[in-house]
Amino acid sequence: MHEEIEQELRARLIALVAAGADVVLDFSFWSKRARLAYRELLRPLGVVPETIYLATPRAVALERMGARSHEHADDYALPNDVAAEYFDHFEPPTADEGPLTVLGAAPAQ
């Protein structure tokens, strides 16, 4: 099912970009490989995506995850150890990947 959804999203992205629309992908893009895959997808269309990185310190991210209370549809709660594992395996984007804007302070590692 994941693959079907991914293919549908990619097809919609290509159609929107080909139609001249500005598109924002609000994904975690936790790995360099995932970010590069989308860059390669858009390269034939002449698009050079910009990555906007919201640099959040580990303590702040884990505190925010712990405070989630399922009040909103996108309010996913994770056990502290799972949230910490996700944070610890995040690969911060770097300028060598392409255009990058970093908002906030560099995360403490």
C-alpha atoms as a PDB file:
ATOM      1  CA  MET A   1       0.000   0.000   0.000  1.00  0.00           C
ATOM      2  CA  HIS A   2       2.844   2.384   0.849  1.00  0.00           C
ATOM      3  CA  GLU A   3       4.313   1.979  -2.632  1.00  0.00           C
ATOM      4  CA  GLU A   4       0.945   2.676  -4.291  1.00  0.00           C
ATOM      5  CA  ILE A   5       0.497   5.857  -2.283  1.00  0.00           C
ATOM      6  CA  GLU A   6       4.076   6.940  -3.015  1.00  0.00           C
ATOM      7  CA  GLN A   7       3.575   6.421  -6.757  1.00  0.00           C
ATOM      8  CA  GLU A   8       0.313   8.398  -6.712  1.00  0.00           C
ATOM      9  CA  LEU A   9       1.958  11.285  -4.840  1.00  0.00           C
ATOM     10  CA  ARG A  10       4.886  11.340  -7.251  1.00  0.00           C
ATOM     11  CA  ALA A  11       2.535  11.362 -10.253  1.00  0.00           C
ATOM     12  CA  ARG A  12       0.532  14.235  -8.761  1.00  0.00           C
ATOM     13  CA  LEU A  13       3.730  16.150  -8.015  1.00  0.00           C
ATOM     14  CA  ILE A  14       4.949  15.772 -11.593  1.00  0.00           C
ATOM     15  CA  ALA A  15       1.550  16.819 -12.990  1.00  0.00           C
ATOM     16  CA  LEU A  16       1.391  19.901 -10.772  1.00  0.00           C
ATOM     17  CA  VAL A  17       4.942  20.982 -11.561  1.00  0.00           C
ATOM     18  CA  ALA A  18       4.422  20.362 -15.281  1.00  0.00           C
ATOM     19  CA  ALA A  19       1.333  22.599 -15.071  1.00  0.00           C
ATOM     20  CA  GLY A  20       3.477  25.379 -13.598  1.00  0.00           C
ATOM     21  CA  ALA A  21       2.249  25.141 -10.002  1.00  0.00           C
ATOM     22  CA  ASP A  22       4.450  25.879  -7.023  1.00  0.00           C
ATOM     23  CA  VAL A  23       4.474  22.830  -4.752  1.00  0.00           C
ATOM     24  CA  VAL A  24       5.541  22.347  -1.145  1.00  0.00           C
ATOM     25  CA  LEU A  25       6.208  18.823   0.084  1.00  0.00           C
ATOM     26  CA  ASP A  26       5.715  18.663   3.834  1.00  0.00           C
ATOM     27  CA  PHE A  27       7.593  15.425   4.485  1.00  0.00           C
ATOM     28  CA  SER A  28      10.242  14.691   7.077  1.00  0.00           C
ATOM     29  CA  PHE A  29      12.762  13.796   4.355  1.00  0.00           C
ATOM     30  CA  TRP A  30      14.824  12.301   7.161  1.00  0.00           C
ATOM     31  CA  SER A  31      17.425  10.772   4.850  1.00  0.00           C
ATOM     32  CA  LYS A  32      19.697  12.273   2.254  1.00  0.00           C
ATOM     33  CA  ARG A  33      18.715   9.417  -0.057  1.00  0.00           C
ATOM     34  CA  ALA A  34      15.012  10.380   0.090  1.00  0.00           C
ATOM     35  CA  ARG A  35      15.786  14.035  -0.621  1.00  0.00           C
ATOM     36  CA  LEU A  36      18.010  13.117  -3.563  1.00  0.00           C
ATOM     37  CA  ALA A  37      15.346  10.785  -4.990  1.00  0.00           C
ATOM     38  CA  TYR A  38      12.896  13.687  -5.221  1.00  0.00           C
ATOM     39  CA  ARG A  39      15.554  15.935  -6.726  1.00  0.00           C
ATOM     40  CA  GLU A  40      16.176  13.287  -9.406  1.00  0.00           C
ATOM     41  CA  LEU A  41      12.431  12.946 -10.006  1.00  0.00           C
ATOM     42  CA  LEU A  42      12.146  16.665 -10.715  1.00  0.00           C
ATOM     43  CA  ARG A  43      15.399  17.138 -12.630  1.00  0.00           C
ATOM     44  CA  PRO A  44      13.885  16.206 -16.047  1.00  0.00           C
ATOM     45  CA  LEU A  45      11.332  18.995 -15.529  1.00  0.00           C
ATOM     46  CA  GLY A  46      14.092  21.558 -14.999  1.00  0.00           C
ATOM     47  CA  VAL A  47      13.193  22.012 -11.335  1.00  0.00           C
ATOM     48  CA  VAL A  48      15.833  22.512  -8.655  1.00  0.00           C
ATOM     49  CA  PRO A  49      14.033  22.005  -5.328  1.00  0.00           C
ATOM     50  CA  GLU A  50      14.893  24.062  -2.279  1.00  0.00           C
ATOM     51  CA  THR A  51      15.069  22.294   1.067  1.00  0.00           C
ATOM     52  CA  ILE A  52      13.743  24.253   4.040  1.00  0.00           C
ATOM     53  CA  TYR A  53      15.226  22.749   7.209  1.00  0.00           C
ATOM     54  CA  LEU A  54      13.610  23.609  10.526  1.00  0.00           C
ATOM     55  CA  ALA A  55      16.608  23.005  12.784  1.00  0.00           C
ATOM     56  CA  THR A  56      15.198  22.048  16.155  1.00  0.00           C
ATOM     57  CA  PRO A  57      17.268  21.040  19.174  1.00  0.00           C
ATOM     58  CA  ARG A  58      16.761  17.434  20.289  1.00  0.00           C
ATOM     59  CA  ALA A  59      15.341  18.389  23.682  1.00  0.00           C
ATOM     60  CA  VAL A  60      12.767  20.704  22.106  1.00  0.00           C
ATOM     61  CA  ALA A  61      11.694  18.125  19.509  1.00  0.00           C
ATOM     62  CA  LEU A  62      11.300  15.393  22.138  1.00  0.00           C
ATOM     63  CA  GLU A  63       9.411  17.734  24.481  1.00  0.00           C
ATOM     64  CA  ARG A  64       6.998  18.664  21.693  1.00  0.00           C
ATOM     65  CA  MET A  65       6.466  15.025  20.756  1.00  0.00           C
ATOM     66  CA  GLY A  66       5.773  14.160  24.397  1.00  0.00           C
ATOM     67  CA  ALA A  67       3.204  16.944  24.684  1.00  0.00           C
ATOM     68  CA  ARG A  68       1.046  15.717  21.792  1.00  0.00           C
ATOM     69  CA  SER A  69      -2.452  14.774  22.843  1.00  0.00           C
ATOM     70  CA  HIS A  70      -4.243  13.616  19.658  1.00  0.00           C
ATOM     71  CA  GLU A  71      -6.284  16.842  19.474  1.00  0.00           C
ATOM     72  CA  HIS A  72      -5.680  17.151  15.718  1.00  0.00           C
ATOM     73  CA  ALA A  73      -5.667  14.674  12.842  1.00  0.00           C
ATOM     74  CA  ASP A  74      -1.903  15.146  12.367  1.00  0.00           C
ATOM     75  CA  ASP A  75      -1.146  14.948  16.089  1.00  0.00           C
ATOM     76  CA  TYR A  76       0.777  11.665  16.111  1.00  0.00           C
ATOM     77  CA  ALA A  77       2.043  10.592  19.497  1.00  0.00           C
ATOM     78  CA  LEU A  78       5.118   8.383  19.805  1.00  0.00           C
ATOM     79  CA  PRO A  79       6.669   6.797  22.876  1.00  0.00           C
ATOM     80  CA  ASN A  80       9.708   8.806  24.033  1.00  0.00           C
ATOM     81  CA  ASP A  81      12.191   6.115  23.027  1.00  0.00           C
ATOM     82  CA  VAL A  82      10.752   5.864  19.500  1.00  0.00           C
ATOM     83  CA  ALA A  83      10.728   9.655  19.067  1.00  0.00           C
ATOM     84  CA  ALA A  84      14.350   9.792  20.270  1.00  0.00           C
ATOM     85  CA  GLU A  85      15.345   7.068  17.808  1.00  0.00           C
ATOM     86  CA  TYR A  86      13.734   8.960  14.926  1.00  0.00           C
ATOM     87  CA  PHE A  87      15.513  12.162  15.924  1.00  0.00           C
ATOM     88  CA  ASP A  88      18.863  10.439  16.378  1.00  0.00           C
ATOM     89  CA  HIS A  89      18.711   8.867  12.906  1.00  0.00           C
ATOM     90  CA  PHE A  90      17.689  12.062  11.100  1.00  0.00           C
ATOM     91  CA  GLU A  91      20.269  13.106   8.512  1.00  0.00           C
ATOM     92  CA  PRO A  92      20.324  16.925   8.480  1.00  0.00           C
ATOM     93  CA  PRO A  93      20.439  18.351   4.951  1.00  0.00           C
ATOM     94  CA  THR A  94      23.612  20.048   3.769  1.00  0.00           C
ATOM     95  CA  ALA A  95      24.263  22.659   1.100  1.00  0.00           C
ATOM     96  CA  ASP A  96      26.028  20.086  -1.100  1.00  0.00           C
ATOM     97  CA  GLU A  97      22.600  18.497  -1.767  1.00  0.00           C
ATOM     98  CA  GLY A  98      21.259  21.654  -3.407  1.00  0.00           C
ATOM     99  CA  PRO A  99      19.572  24.897  -2.387  1.00  0.00           C
ATOM    100  CA  LEU A 100      19.064  24.926   1.379  1.00  0.00           C
ATOM    101  CA  THR A 101      17.500  27.345   3.828  1.00  0.00           C
ATOM    102  CA  VAL A 102      18.026  26.602   7.523  1.00  0.00           C
ATOM    103  CA  LEU A 103      15.560  28.113   9.986  1.00  0.00           C
ATOM    104  CA  GLY A 104      16.454  28.103  13.665  1.00  0.00           C
ATOM    105  CA  ALA A 105      19.630  27.140  15.433  1.00  0.00           C
ATOM    106  CA  ALA A 106      21.663  24.124  14.469  1.00  0.00           C
ATOM    107  CA  PRO A 107      20.429  21.109  16.430  1.00  0.00           C
ATOM    108  CA  ALA A 108      22.457  19.900  19.383  1.00  0.00           C
ATOM    109  CA  GLN A 109      23.725  16.394  18.744  1.00  0.00           C
END
